[in-house]
Amino acid sequence: IGKPLFDLFLLITSAAAFVAATALPSIEIVGDLSPAFFPK
């Protein structure tokens, strides 16, 4: 069951990271990229 559990862990943590990245400030650092771009 380890592989499916790890995949589920990746799904949950990546979704949580995406949600957390939306809270980053929306200032522009380079061109049109904000600090949230790479985490998202």
Full PDB file with SEQRES, HELIX, SHEET, SSBOND, CRYST1, ORIGX, SCALE, CONECT and MASTER records, all heavy atoms in Angstrom:
SEQRES   1 A   40  ILE GLY LYS PRO LEU PHE ASP LEU PHE LEU LEU ILE THR          
SEQRES   2 A   40  SER ALA ALA ALA PHE VAL ALA ALA THR ALA LEU PRO SER          
SEQRES   3 A   40  ILE GLU ILE VAL GLY ASP LEU SER PRO ALA PHE PHE PRO          
SEQRES   4 A   40  LYS                                                          
HELIX    1 AA1 GLY A    2  ALA A   21  1                                  20    
CRYST1    1.000    1.000    1.000  90.00  90.00  90.00 P 1           1          
ORIGX1      1.000000  0.000000  0.000000        0.00000                         
ORIGX2      0.000000  1.000000  0.000000        0.00000                         
ORIGX3      0.000000  0.000000  1.000000        0.00000                         
SCALE1      1.000000  0.000000  0.000000        0.00000                         
SCALE2      0.000000  1.000000  0.000000        0.00000                         
SCALE3      0.000000  0.000000  1.000000        0.00000                         
ATOM      1  N   ILE A   1       0.822  -1.210   0.000  1.00  0.00           N  
ATOM      2  CA  ILE A   1       0.000   0.000   0.000  1.00  0.00           C  
ATOM      3  C   ILE A   1       0.859   1.264   0.000  1.00  0.00           C  
ATOM      4  O   ILE A   1       0.358   2.374  -0.179  1.00  0.00           O  
ATOM      5  CB  ILE A   1      -0.971  -0.009   1.213  1.00  0.00           C  
ATOM      6  CG1 ILE A   1      -2.025   1.093   1.113  1.00  0.00           C  
ATOM      7  CG2 ILE A   1      -0.204   0.124   2.517  1.00  0.00           C  
ATOM      8  CD1 ILE A   1      -3.002   0.917   0.010  1.00  0.00           C  
ATOM      9  N   GLY A   2       2.179   1.113   0.136  1.00  0.00           N  
ATOM     10  CA  GLY A   2       3.069   2.273   0.243  1.00  0.00           C  
ATOM     11  C   GLY A   2       3.015   3.208  -0.946  1.00  0.00           C  
ATOM     12  O   GLY A   2       2.977   4.427  -0.781  1.00  0.00           O  
ATOM     13  N   LYS A   3       3.022   2.668  -2.156  1.00  0.00           N  
ATOM     14  CA  LYS A   3       3.005   3.529  -3.349  1.00  0.00           C  
ATOM     15  C   LYS A   3       1.722   4.357  -3.450  1.00  0.00           C  
ATOM     16  O   LYS A   3       1.788   5.569  -3.645  1.00  0.00           O  
ATOM     17  CB  LYS A   3       3.215   2.695  -4.608  1.00  0.00           C  
ATOM     18  CG  LYS A   3       4.619   2.208  -4.785  1.00  0.00           C  
ATOM     19  CD  LYS A   3       4.737   1.429  -6.083  1.00  0.00           C  
ATOM     20  CE  LYS A   3       6.128   0.922  -6.312  1.00  0.00           C  
ATOM     21  NZ  LYS A   3       6.219   0.192  -7.586  1.00  0.00           N  
ATOM     22  N   PRO A   4       0.540   3.735  -3.335  1.00  0.00           N  
ATOM     23  CA  PRO A   4      -0.666   4.563  -3.396  1.00  0.00           C  
ATOM     24  C   PRO A   4      -0.744   5.593  -2.270  1.00  0.00           C  
ATOM     25  O   PRO A   4      -1.200   6.718  -2.482  1.00  0.00           O  
ATOM     26  CB  PRO A   4      -1.820   3.558  -3.288  1.00  0.00           C  
ATOM     27  CG  PRO A   4      -1.244   2.248  -3.634  1.00  0.00           C  
ATOM     28  CD  PRO A   4       0.213   2.314  -3.311  1.00  0.00           C  
ATOM     29  N   LEU A   5      -0.271   5.235  -1.084  1.00  0.00           N  
ATOM     30  CA  LEU A   5      -0.280   6.194   0.019  1.00  0.00           C  
ATOM     31  C   LEU A   5       0.663   7.359  -0.254  1.00  0.00           C  
ATOM     32  O   LEU A   5       0.344   8.509   0.051  1.00  0.00           O  
ATOM     33  CB  LEU A   5       0.091   5.505   1.335  1.00  0.00           C  
ATOM     34  CG  LEU A   5      -0.989   4.642   1.965  1.00  0.00           C  
ATOM     35  CD1 LEU A   5      -0.484   3.991   3.247  1.00  0.00           C  
ATOM     36  CD2 LEU A   5      -2.244   5.446   2.230  1.00  0.00           C  
ATOM     37  N   PHE A   6       1.827   7.064  -0.826  1.00  0.00           N  
ATOM     38  CA  PHE A   6       2.756   8.141  -1.153  1.00  0.00           C  
ATOM     39  C   PHE A   6       2.156   9.063  -2.221  1.00  0.00           C  
ATOM     40  O   PHE A   6       2.265  10.287  -2.129  1.00  0.00           O  
ATOM     41  CB  PHE A   6       4.093   7.574  -1.635  1.00  0.00           C  
ATOM     42  CG  PHE A   6       5.078   8.642  -1.998  1.00  0.00           C  
ATOM     43  CD1 PHE A   6       5.685   9.409  -1.021  1.00  0.00           C  
ATOM     44  CD2 PHE A   6       5.394   8.888  -3.326  1.00  0.00           C  
ATOM     45  CE1 PHE A   6       6.586  10.411  -1.352  1.00  0.00           C  
ATOM     46  CE2 PHE A   6       6.295   9.878  -3.670  1.00  0.00           C  
ATOM     47  CZ  PHE A   6       6.898  10.649  -2.682  1.00  0.00           C  
ATOM     48  N   ASP A   7       1.507   8.474  -3.228  1.00  0.00           N  
ATOM     49  CA  ASP A   7       0.861   9.283  -4.260  1.00  0.00           C  
ATOM     50  C   ASP A   7      -0.236  10.166  -3.662  1.00  0.00           C  
ATOM     51  O   ASP A   7      -0.364  11.341  -4.018  1.00  0.00           O  
ATOM     52  CB  ASP A   7       0.262   8.386  -5.351  1.00  0.00           C  
ATOM     53  CG  ASP A   7       1.317   7.586  -6.088  1.00  0.00           C  
ATOM     54  OD1 ASP A   7       2.479   8.033  -6.145  1.00  0.00           O  
ATOM     55  OD2 ASP A   7       0.981   6.515  -6.613  1.00  0.00           O  
ATOM     56  N   LEU A   8      -1.008   9.603  -2.744  1.00  0.00           N  
ATOM     57  CA  LEU A   8      -2.047  10.378  -2.071  1.00  0.00           C  
ATOM     58  C   LEU A   8      -1.432  11.494  -1.240  1.00  0.00           C  
ATOM     59  O   LEU A   8      -1.938  12.622  -1.218  1.00  0.00           O  
ATOM     60  CB  LEU A   8      -2.895   9.454  -1.196  1.00  0.00           C  
ATOM     61  CG  LEU A   8      -4.099  10.079  -0.516  1.00  0.00           C  
ATOM     62  CD1 LEU A   8      -5.085  10.619  -1.545  1.00  0.00           C  
ATOM     63  CD2 LEU A   8      -4.775   9.060   0.392  1.00  0.00           C  
ATOM     64  N   PHE A   9      -0.331  11.195  -0.574  1.00  0.00           N  
ATOM     65  CA  PHE A   9       0.398  12.206   0.194  1.00  0.00           C  
ATOM     66  C   PHE A   9       0.851  13.349  -0.720  1.00  0.00           C  
ATOM     67  O   PHE A   9       0.715  14.526  -0.378  1.00  0.00           O  
ATOM     68  CB  PHE A   9       1.599  11.563   0.892  1.00  0.00           C  
ATOM     69  CG  PHE A   9       2.529  12.535   1.547  1.00  0.00           C  
ATOM     70  CD1 PHE A   9       2.193  13.118   2.753  1.00  0.00           C  
ATOM     71  CD2 PHE A   9       3.740  12.869   0.959  1.00  0.00           C  
ATOM     72  CE1 PHE A   9       3.061  14.024   3.373  1.00  0.00           C  
ATOM     73  CE2 PHE A   9       4.606  13.764   1.564  1.00  0.00           C  
ATOM     74  CZ  PHE A   9       4.262  14.349   2.775  1.00  0.00           C  
ATOM     75  N   LEU A  10       1.371  13.006  -1.905  1.00  0.00           N  
ATOM     76  CA  LEU A  10       1.781  14.033  -2.859  1.00  0.00           C  
ATOM     77  C   LEU A  10       0.603  14.894  -3.295  1.00  0.00           C  
ATOM     78  O   LEU A  10       0.726  16.125  -3.413  1.00  0.00           O  
ATOM     79  CB  LEU A  10       2.439  13.404  -4.089  1.00  0.00           C  
ATOM     80  CG  LEU A  10       3.866  12.928  -3.942  1.00  0.00           C  
ATOM     81  CD1 LEU A  10       4.338  12.271  -5.243  1.00  0.00           C  
ATOM     82  CD2 LEU A  10       4.794  14.067  -3.573  1.00  0.00           C  
ATOM     83  N   LEU A  11      -0.532  14.272  -3.562  1.00  0.00           N  
ATOM     84  CA  LEU A  11      -1.723  15.024  -3.958  1.00  0.00           C  
ATOM     85  C   LEU A  11      -2.145  16.014  -2.875  1.00  0.00           C  
ATOM     86  O   LEU A  11      -2.397  17.186  -3.154  1.00  0.00           O  
ATOM     87  CB  LEU A  11      -2.882  14.072  -4.266  1.00  0.00           C  
ATOM     88  CG  LEU A  11      -2.885  13.407  -5.624  1.00  0.00           C  
ATOM     89  CD1 LEU A  11      -3.973  12.354  -5.692  1.00  0.00           C  
ATOM     90  CD2 LEU A  11      -3.085  14.432  -6.712  1.00  0.00           C  
ATOM     91  N   ILE A  12      -2.210  15.529  -1.650  1.00  0.00           N  
ATOM     92  CA  ILE A  12      -2.678  16.378  -0.549  1.00  0.00           C  
ATOM     93  C   ILE A  12      -1.702  17.513  -0.268  1.00  0.00           C  
ATOM     94  O   ILE A  12      -2.099  18.675  -0.137  1.00  0.00           O  
ATOM     95  CB  ILE A  12      -2.929  15.526   0.715  1.00  0.00           C  
ATOM     96  CG1 ILE A  12      -4.114  14.586   0.474  1.00  0.00           C  
ATOM     97  CG2 ILE A  12      -3.170  16.404   1.940  1.00  0.00           C  
ATOM     98  CD1 ILE A  12      -4.277  13.514   1.529  1.00  0.00           C  
ATOM     99  N   THR A  13      -0.392  17.196  -0.185  1.00  0.00           N  
ATOM    100  CA  THR A  13       0.585  18.248   0.132  1.00  0.00           C  
ATOM    101  C   THR A  13       0.736  19.248  -1.009  1.00  0.00           C  
ATOM    102  O   THR A  13       0.928  20.438  -0.767  1.00  0.00           O  
ATOM    103  CB  THR A  13       1.959  17.651   0.487  1.00  0.00           C  
ATOM    104  OG1 THR A  13       2.391  16.788  -0.552  1.00  0.00           O  
ATOM    105  CG2 THR A  13       1.908  16.914   1.801  1.00  0.00           C  
ATOM    106  N   SER A  14       0.641  18.787  -2.251  1.00  0.00           N  
ATOM    107  CA  SER A  14       0.744  19.738  -3.366  1.00  0.00           C  
ATOM    108  C   SER A  14      -0.477  20.653  -3.411  1.00  0.00           C  
ATOM    109  O   SER A  14      -0.361  21.846  -3.707  1.00  0.00           O  
ATOM    110  CB  SER A  14       0.938  19.009  -4.698  1.00  0.00           C  
ATOM    111  OG  SER A  14      -0.170  18.192  -4.991  1.00  0.00           O  
ATOM    112  N   ALA A  15      -1.658  20.110  -3.097  1.00  0.00           N  
ATOM    113  CA  ALA A  15      -2.853  20.951  -3.038  1.00  0.00           C  
ATOM    114  C   ALA A  15      -2.728  21.969  -1.899  1.00  0.00           C  
ATOM    115  O   ALA A  15      -3.059  23.153  -2.076  1.00  0.00           O  
ATOM    116  CB  ALA A  15      -4.101  20.087  -2.853  1.00  0.00           C  
ATOM    117  N   ALA A  16      -2.223  21.524  -0.753  1.00  0.00           N  
ATOM    118  CA  ALA A  16      -2.032  22.437   0.379  1.00  0.00           C  
ATOM    119  C   ALA A  16      -0.987  23.503   0.046  1.00  0.00           C  
ATOM    120  O   ALA A  16      -1.162  24.681   0.392  1.00  0.00           O  
ATOM    121  CB  ALA A  16      -1.611  21.651   1.615  1.00  0.00           C  
ATOM    122  N   ALA A  17       0.077  23.111  -0.649  1.00  0.00           N  
ATOM    123  CA  ALA A  17       1.104  24.090  -1.041  1.00  0.00           C  
ATOM    124  C   ALA A  17       0.536  25.101  -2.030  1.00  0.00           C  
ATOM    125  O   ALA A  17       0.865  26.292  -1.969  1.00  0.00           O  
ATOM    126  CB  ALA A  17       2.299  23.366  -1.654  1.00  0.00           C  
ATOM    127  N   PHE A  18      -0.310  24.652  -2.941  1.00  0.00           N  
ATOM    128  CA  PHE A  18      -0.925  25.568  -3.901  1.00  0.00           C  
ATOM    129  C   PHE A  18      -1.801  26.584  -3.180  1.00  0.00           C  
ATOM    130  O   PHE A  18      -1.745  27.784  -3.457  1.00  0.00           O  
ATOM    131  CB  PHE A  18      -1.747  24.786  -4.934  1.00  0.00           C  
ATOM    132  CG  PHE A  18      -2.222  25.639  -6.073  1.00  0.00           C  
ATOM    133  CD1 PHE A  18      -1.422  25.819  -7.186  1.00  0.00           C  
ATOM    134  CD2 PHE A  18      -3.462  26.263  -6.024  1.00  0.00           C  
ATOM    135  CE1 PHE A  18      -1.845  26.606  -8.237  1.00  0.00           C  
ATOM    136  CE2 PHE A  18      -3.892  27.058  -7.072  1.00  0.00           C  
ATOM    137  CZ  PHE A  18      -3.087  27.228  -8.183  1.00  0.00           C  
ATOM    138  N   VAL A  19      -2.606  26.105  -2.226  1.00  0.00           N  
ATOM    139  CA  VAL A  19      -3.464  27.002  -1.463  1.00  0.00           C  
ATOM    140  C   VAL A  19      -2.614  27.984  -0.652  1.00  0.00           C  
ATOM    141  O   VAL A  19      -2.909  29.182  -0.594  1.00  0.00           O  
ATOM    142  CB  VAL A  19      -4.418  26.202  -0.544  1.00  0.00           C  
ATOM    143  CG1 VAL A  19      -5.131  27.098   0.437  1.00  0.00           C  
ATOM    144  CG2 VAL A  19      -5.417  25.427  -1.394  1.00  0.00           C  
ATOM    145  N   ALA A  20      -1.542  27.485  -0.042  1.00  0.00           N  
ATOM    146  CA  ALA A  20      -0.663  28.362   0.742  1.00  0.00           C  
ATOM    147  C   ALA A  20       0.014  29.395  -0.152  1.00  0.00           C  
ATOM    148  O   ALA A  20       0.224  30.538   0.259  1.00  0.00           O  
ATOM    149  CB  ALA A  20       0.381  27.536   1.482  1.00  0.00           C  
ATOM    150  N   ALA A  21       0.344  29.030  -1.381  1.00  0.00           N  
ATOM    151  CA  ALA A  21       0.999  29.958  -2.300  1.00  0.00           C  
ATOM    152  C   ALA A  21       0.070  31.088  -2.724  1.00  0.00           C  
ATOM    153  O   ALA A  21       0.534  32.179  -3.063  1.00  0.00           O  
ATOM    154  CB  ALA A  21       1.504  29.211  -3.530  1.00  0.00           C  
ATOM    155  N   THR A  22      -1.221  30.849  -2.694  1.00  0.00           N  
ATOM    156  CA  THR A  22      -2.152  31.926  -3.062  1.00  0.00           C  
ATOM    157  C   THR A  22      -2.154  33.039  -2.026  1.00  0.00           C  
ATOM    158  O   THR A  22      -2.586  34.148  -2.319  1.00  0.00           O  
ATOM    159  CB  THR A  22      -3.587  31.373  -3.236  1.00  0.00           C  
ATOM    160  OG1 THR A  22      -4.007  30.780  -2.011  1.00  0.00           O  
ATOM    161  CG2 THR A  22      -3.656  30.360  -4.364  1.00  0.00           C  
ATOM    162  N   ALA A  23      -1.657  32.759  -0.825  1.00  0.00           N  
ATOM    163  CA  ALA A  23      -1.608  33.779   0.228  1.00  0.00           C  
ATOM    164  C   ALA A  23      -0.370  34.659   0.117  1.00  0.00           C  
ATOM    165  O   ALA A  23      -0.253  35.653   0.838  1.00  0.00           O  
ATOM    166  CB  ALA A  23      -1.647  33.116   1.594  1.00  0.00           C  
ATOM    167  N   LEU A  24       0.566  34.313  -0.779  1.00  0.00           N  
ATOM    168  CA  LEU A  24       1.768  35.138  -0.934  1.00  0.00           C  
ATOM    169  C   LEU A  24       1.396  36.484  -1.547  1.00  0.00           C  
ATOM    170  O   LEU A  24       0.437  36.575  -2.315  1.00  0.00           O  
ATOM    171  CB  LEU A  24       2.788  34.413  -1.816  1.00  0.00           C  
ATOM    172  CG  LEU A  24       3.406  33.150  -1.217  1.00  0.00           C  
ATOM    173  CD1 LEU A  24       4.269  32.436  -2.248  1.00  0.00           C  
ATOM    174  CD2 LEU A  24       4.230  33.490   0.000  1.00  0.00           C  
ATOM    175  N   PRO A  25       2.164  37.528  -1.234  1.00  0.00           N  
ATOM    176  CA  PRO A  25       1.831  38.850  -1.758  1.00  0.00           C  
ATOM    177  C   PRO A  25       1.885  38.873  -3.289  1.00  0.00           C  
ATOM    178  O   PRO A  25       2.663  38.163  -3.909  1.00  0.00           O  
ATOM    179  CB  PRO A  25       2.902  39.772  -1.150  1.00  0.00           C  
ATOM    180  CG  PRO A  25       3.974  38.875  -0.675  1.00  0.00           C  
ATOM    181  CD  PRO A  25       3.367  37.533  -0.420  1.00  0.00           C  
ATOM    182  N   SER A  26       1.062  39.711  -3.872  1.00  0.00           N  
ATOM    183  CA  SER A  26       0.971  39.761  -5.333  1.00  0.00           C  
ATOM    184  C   SER A  26       1.807  40.892  -5.918  1.00  0.00           C  
ATOM    185  O   SER A  26       1.368  41.582  -6.837  1.00  0.00           O  
ATOM    186  CB  SER A  26      -0.488  39.893  -5.756  1.00  0.00           C  
ATOM    187  OG  SER A  26      -1.032  41.071  -5.210  1.00  0.00           O  
ATOM    188  N   ILE A  27       3.001  41.101  -5.399  1.00  0.00           N  
ATOM    189  CA  ILE A  27       3.905  42.099  -5.973  1.00  0.00           C  
ATOM    190  C   ILE A  27       4.657  41.464  -7.133  1.00  0.00           C  
ATOM    191  O   ILE A  27       4.812  40.259  -7.197  1.00  0.00           O  
ATOM    192  CB  ILE A  27       4.910  42.625  -4.915  1.00  0.00           C  
ATOM    193  CG1 ILE A  27       5.702  41.465  -4.320  1.00  0.00           C  
ATOM    194  CG2 ILE A  27       4.190  43.393  -3.841  1.00  0.00           C  
ATOM    195  CD1 ILE A  27       6.843  41.883  -3.433  1.00  0.00           C  
ATOM    196  N   GLU A  28       5.122  42.276  -8.058  1.00  0.00           N  
ATOM    197  CA  GLU A  28       5.872  41.758  -9.199  1.00  0.00           C  
ATOM    198  C   GLU A  28       7.357  41.829  -8.895  1.00  0.00           C  
ATOM    199  O   GLU A  28       7.871  42.861  -8.483  1.00  0.00           O  
ATOM    200  CB  GLU A  28       5.562  42.564 -10.453  1.00  0.00           C  
ATOM    201  CG  GLU A  28       4.148  42.374 -10.951  1.00  0.00           C  
ATOM    202  CD  GLU A  28       3.878  43.157 -12.219  1.00  0.00           C  
ATOM    203  OE1 GLU A  28       4.824  43.726 -12.792  1.00  0.00           O  
ATOM    204  OE2 GLU A  28       2.712  43.193 -12.626  1.00  0.00           O  
ATOM    205  N   ILE A  29       8.056  40.703  -9.082  1.00  0.00           N  
ATOM    206  CA  ILE A  29       9.499  40.668  -8.849  1.00  0.00           C  
ATOM    207  C   ILE A  29      10.233  40.772 -10.175  1.00  0.00           C  
ATOM    208  O   ILE A  29      11.069  41.628 -10.371  1.00  0.00           O  
ATOM    209  CB  ILE A  29       9.905  39.384  -8.100  1.00  0.00           C  
ATOM    210  CG1 ILE A  29       9.337  39.406  -6.697  1.00  0.00           C  
ATOM    211  CG2 ILE A  29      11.413  39.246  -8.044  1.00  0.00           C  
ATOM    212  CD1 ILE A  29       9.678  38.196  -5.878  1.00  0.00           C  
ATOM    213  N   VAL A  30       9.939  39.886 -11.096  1.00  0.00           N  
ATOM    214  CA  VAL A  30      10.584  39.874 -12.402  1.00  0.00           C  
ATOM    215  C   VAL A  30       9.486  39.895 -13.450  1.00  0.00           C  
ATOM    216  O   VAL A  30       8.698  38.963 -13.542  1.00  0.00           O  
ATOM    217  CB  VAL A  30      11.455  38.607 -12.582  1.00  0.00           C  
ATOM    218  CG1 VAL A  30      12.078  38.574 -13.967  1.00  0.00           C  
ATOM    219  CG2 VAL A  30      12.517  38.529 -11.520  1.00  0.00           C  
ATOM    220  N   GLY A  31       9.445  40.957 -14.240  1.00  0.00           N  
ATOM    221  CA  GLY A  31       8.427  41.030 -15.272  1.00  0.00           C  
ATOM    222  C   GLY A  31       7.039  40.918 -14.681  1.00  0.00           C  
ATOM    223  O   GLY A  31       6.649  41.693 -13.830  1.00  0.00           O  
ATOM    224  N   ASP A  32       6.300  39.923 -15.119  1.00  0.00           N  
ATOM    225  CA  ASP A  32       4.940  39.708 -14.633  1.00  0.00           C  
ATOM    226  C   ASP A  32       4.865  38.609 -13.578  1.00  0.00           C  
ATOM    227  O   ASP A  32       3.780  38.185 -13.217  1.00  0.00           O  
ATOM    228  CB  ASP A  32       4.027  39.322 -15.806  1.00  0.00           C  
ATOM    229  CG  ASP A  32       3.870  40.467 -16.790  1.00  0.00           C  
ATOM    230  OD1 ASP A  32       3.975  41.625 -16.362  1.00  0.00           O  
ATOM    231  OD2 ASP A  32       3.646  40.194 -17.982  1.00  0.00           O  
ATOM    232  N   LEU A  33       6.006  38.126 -13.098  1.00  0.00           N  
ATOM    233  CA  LEU A  33       6.006  37.027 -12.139  1.00  0.00           C  
ATOM    234  C   LEU A  33       5.908  37.547 -10.716  1.00  0.00           C  
ATOM    235  O   LEU A  33       6.612  38.471 -10.327  1.00  0.00           O  
ATOM    236  CB  LEU A  33       7.276  36.185 -12.285  1.00  0.00           C  
ATOM    237  CG  LEU A  33       7.519  35.551 -13.655  1.00  0.00           C  
ATOM    238  CD1 LEU A  33       8.814  34.763 -13.647  1.00  0.00           C  
ATOM    239  CD2 LEU A  33       6.360  34.668 -14.043  1.00  0.00           C  
ATOM    240  N   SER A  34       5.052  36.916  -9.943  1.00  0.00           N  
ATOM    241  CA  SER A  34       4.928  37.258  -8.529  1.00  0.00           C  
ATOM    242  C   SER A  34       5.626  36.174  -7.713  1.00  0.00           C  
ATOM    243  O   SER A  34       5.969  35.114  -8.242  1.00  0.00           O  
ATOM    244  CB  SER A  34       3.449  37.343  -8.144  1.00  0.00           C  
ATOM    245  OG  SER A  34       2.874  36.061  -8.138  1.00  0.00           O  
ATOM    246  N   PRO A  35       5.827  36.401  -6.424  1.00  0.00           N  
ATOM    247  CA  PRO A  35       6.452  35.376  -5.591  1.00  0.00           C  
ATOM    248  C   PRO A  35       5.655  34.064  -5.564  1.00  0.00           C  
ATOM    249  O   PRO A  35       6.200  33.013  -5.275  1.00  0.00           O  
ATOM    250  CB  PRO A  35       6.491  36.005  -4.202  1.00  0.00           C  
ATOM    251  CG  PRO A  35       6.412  37.458  -4.427  1.00  0.00           C  
ATOM    252  CD  PRO A  35       5.620  37.641  -5.690  1.00  0.00           C  
ATOM    253  N   ALA A  36       4.383  34.125  -5.867  1.00  0.00           N  
ATOM    254  CA  ALA A  36       3.544  32.929  -5.828  1.00  0.00           C  
ATOM    255  C   ALA A  36       3.655  32.089  -7.097  1.00  0.00           C  
ATOM    256  O   ALA A  36       3.179  30.950  -7.124  1.00  0.00           O  
ATOM    257  CB  ALA A  36       2.088  33.326  -5.613  1.00  0.00           C  
ATOM    258  N   PHE A  37       4.276  32.616  -8.141  1.00  0.00           N  
ATOM    259  CA  PHE A  37       4.292  31.916  -9.423  1.00  0.00           C  
ATOM    260  C   PHE A  37       4.951  30.537  -9.336  1.00  0.00           C  
ATOM    261  O   PHE A  37       4.357  29.535  -9.741  1.00  0.00           O  
ATOM    262  CB  PHE A  37       4.997  32.762 -10.485  1.00  0.00           C  
ATOM    263  CG  PHE A  37       5.163  32.051 -11.794  1.00  0.00           C  
ATOM    264  CD1 PHE A  37       4.086  31.862 -12.634  1.00  0.00           C  
ATOM    265  CD2 PHE A  37       6.395  31.545 -12.174  1.00  0.00           C  
ATOM    266  CE1 PHE A  37       4.222  31.188 -13.838  1.00  0.00           C  
ATOM    267  CE2 PHE A  37       6.547  30.870 -13.371  1.00  0.00           C  
ATOM    268  CZ  PHE A  37       5.460  30.690 -14.202  1.00  0.00           C  
ATOM    269  N   PHE A  38       6.183  30.455  -8.836  1.00  0.00           N  
ATOM    270  CA  PHE A  38       6.907  29.186  -8.813  1.00  0.00           C  
ATOM    271  C   PHE A  38       6.282  28.167  -7.857  1.00  0.00           C  
ATOM    272  O   PHE A  38       6.134  27.002  -8.227  1.00  0.00           O  
ATOM    273  CB  PHE A  38       8.386  29.396  -8.516  1.00  0.00           C  
ATOM    274  CG  PHE A  38       9.120  30.007  -9.671  1.00  0.00           C  
ATOM    275  CD1 PHE A  38       9.508  31.321  -9.639  1.00  0.00           C  
ATOM    276  CD2 PHE A  38       9.388  29.265 -10.811  1.00  0.00           C  
ATOM    277  CE1 PHE A  38      10.155  31.887 -10.714  1.00  0.00           C  
ATOM    278  CE2 PHE A  38      10.035  29.823 -11.898  1.00  0.00           C  
ATOM    279  CZ  PHE A  38      10.428  31.144 -11.855  1.00  0.00           C  
ATOM    280  N   PRO A  39       5.893  28.557  -6.646  1.00  0.00           N  
ATOM    281  CA  PRO A  39       5.213  27.566  -5.800  1.00  0.00           C  
ATOM    282  C   PRO A  39       3.922  27.045  -6.421  1.00  0.00           C  
ATOM    283  O   PRO A  39       3.624  25.861  -6.342  1.00  0.00           O  
ATOM    284  CB  PRO A  39       4.935  28.324  -4.498  1.00  0.00           C  
ATOM    285  CG  PRO A  39       5.933  29.419  -4.474  1.00  0.00           C  
ATOM    286  CD  PRO A  39       6.186  29.788  -5.901  1.00  0.00           C  
ATOM    287  N   LYS A  40       3.168  27.934  -7.058  1.00  0.00           N  
ATOM    288  CA  LYS A  40       1.929  27.486  -7.713  1.00  0.00           C  
ATOM    289  C   LYS A  40       2.245  26.567  -8.887  1.00  0.00           C  
ATOM    290  O   LYS A  40       1.579  25.547  -9.075  1.00  0.00           O  
ATOM    291  CB  LYS A  40       1.120  28.683  -8.210  1.00  0.00           C  
ATOM    292  CG  LYS A  40       0.383  29.423  -7.139  1.00  0.00           C  
ATOM    293  CD  LYS A  40      -0.402  30.559  -7.773  1.00  0.00           C  
ATOM    294  CE  LYS A  40      -1.182  31.349  -6.771  1.00  0.00           C  
ATOM    295  NZ  LYS A  40      -1.895  32.469  -7.404  1.00  0.00           N  
TER     296      LYS A  40                                                      
MASTER        0    0    0    1    0    0    0    6  295    1    0    4          
END                                                                             
